[in-house]
Amino acid sequence: MVAQILCFLELILRTNRVLPGIIVHERNSNSNLFVIELKTANQDFECDVKKLELFTRKDKGYKYKLGLHIEFENCRPKLRWFRNGKCATINQDFTYGN
């Protein structure tokens, strides 16, 4: 299943149909800086993780320098940082609100 998702996402990247939640880049340049996907705890995020892996790969695609997946559960975000096509860090210690 994961291999099928990966192939599908690579196809979508080639056709420019992937729409991330938030992007930071310089217009009219190849400088793609940051891509973010957000989900609540009840949503499936496997596809988002694969997208961030593809968005941050150095060898092809958009070559974003950093990716971030934020999953919210009870006002506690779980942060997954992506770099070079891989999940680099998972941080669950960040809290805010009540």
Protein backbone atom coordinates (compact mmCIF):
# COMPACT_ATOMS: atom_id res chain seq x y z
CA MET A 1 0.00 0.00 0.00
CA VAL A 2 2.77 2.46 0.90
CA ALA A 3 4.56 1.72 -2.39
CA GLN A 4 1.34 2.48 -4.29
CA ILE A 5 0.91 5.78 -2.44
CA LEU A 6 4.54 6.70 -3.16
CA CYS A 7 4.15 5.97 -6.89
CA PHE A 8 0.91 7.93 -7.01
CA LEU A 9 2.47 10.93 -5.25
CA GLU A 10 5.51 10.88 -7.55
CA LEU A 11 3.12 10.96 -10.51
CA ILE A 12 1.23 13.88 -8.99
CA LEU A 13 4.48 15.75 -8.34
CA ARG A 14 5.41 15.38 -12.01
CA THR A 15 2.04 16.85 -13.04
CA ASN A 16 2.14 19.71 -10.47
CA ARG A 17 -1.12 18.67 -8.79
CA VAL A 18 0.08 18.35 -5.18
CA LEU A 19 -1.31 21.07 -2.96
CA PRO A 20 0.40 21.34 0.42
CA GLY A 21 -1.27 23.15 3.33
CA ILE A 22 1.26 25.99 3.60
CA ILE A 23 4.36 26.81 1.58
CA VAL A 24 7.14 29.37 1.96
CA HIS A 25 9.18 30.10 -1.15
CA GLU A 26 10.65 32.90 -3.23
CA ARG A 27 8.52 33.77 -6.22
CA ASN A 28 10.00 33.38 -9.67
CA SER A 29 12.92 31.32 -8.37
CA ASN A 30 13.78 27.74 -7.53
CA SER A 31 14.23 28.61 -3.86
CA ASN A 32 11.65 26.46 -2.05
CA LEU A 33 12.15 26.97 1.66
CA PHE A 34 9.42 25.38 3.80
CA VAL A 35 6.33 23.19 3.36
CA ILE A 36 3.76 22.45 6.09
CA GLU A 37 0.92 19.91 6.41
CA LEU A 38 -1.60 20.06 9.28
CA LYS A 39 -4.01 17.43 10.58
CA THR A 40 -6.16 16.67 13.61
CA ALA A 41 -5.56 13.41 15.46
CA ASN A 42 -8.61 11.76 13.89
CA GLN A 43 -7.41 12.24 10.31
CA ASP A 44 -5.22 9.84 8.33
CA PHE A 45 -1.82 11.45 7.80
CA GLU A 46 0.15 8.71 5.99
CA CYS A 47 -0.31 10.44 2.63
CA ASP A 48 0.85 13.78 4.10
CA VAL A 49 4.00 12.16 5.45
CA LYS A 50 4.80 10.68 2.04
CA LYS A 51 4.16 14.07 0.41
CA LEU A 52 6.61 15.75 2.80
CA GLU A 53 9.21 13.08 2.10
CA LEU A 54 8.86 13.78 -1.62
CA PHE A 55 8.74 17.58 -1.25
CA THR A 56 12.02 17.61 0.71
CA ARG A 57 14.02 15.22 -1.48
CA LYS A 58 17.15 16.76 -2.93
CA ASP A 59 17.35 14.59 -6.04
CA LYS A 60 14.01 15.51 -7.67
CA GLY A 61 10.71 17.25 -7.19
CA TYR A 62 10.37 20.58 -5.44
CA LYS A 63 13.48 20.30 -3.22
CA TYR A 64 12.08 22.13 -0.20
CA LYS A 65 14.73 22.67 2.45
CA LEU A 66 12.39 21.78 5.36
CA GLY A 67 9.03 20.11 5.81
CA LEU A 68 6.79 20.07 8.87
CA HIS A 69 3.83 17.86 9.68
CA ILE A 70 1.71 19.08 12.59
CA GLU A 71 -0.85 16.74 14.12
CA PHE A 72 -3.15 18.30 16.74
CA GLU A 73 -4.65 16.25 19.56
CA ASN A 74 -6.24 17.89 22.63
CA CYS A 75 -4.34 21.17 22.10
CA ARG A 76 -1.03 19.27 21.98
CA PRO A 77 0.68 19.39 18.60
CA LYS A 78 2.92 16.55 17.53
CA LEU A 79 5.62 17.94 15.24
CA ARG A 80 7.40 15.85 12.60
CA TRP A 81 10.25 17.65 10.84
CA PHE A 82 11.42 16.51 7.40
CA ARG A 83 14.73 17.12 5.68
CA ASN A 84 16.37 15.45 2.68
CA GLY A 85 13.34 13.23 2.08
CA LYS A 86 13.26 11.77 5.59
CA CYS A 87 11.58 12.42 8.91
CA ALA A 88 14.40 13.99 10.90
CA THR A 89 12.77 14.73 14.28
CA ILE A 90 9.54 14.03 16.14
CA ASN A 91 8.75 16.46 18.97
CA GLN A 92 5.88 15.85 21.36
CA ASP A 93 6.97 18.14 24.18
CA PHE A 94 5.45 21.36 22.86
CA THR A 95 2.29 22.54 24.67
CA TYR A 96 0.16 25.65 24.48
CA GLY A 97 -3.22 26.88 25.65
CA ASN A 98 -4.98 25.48 28.71
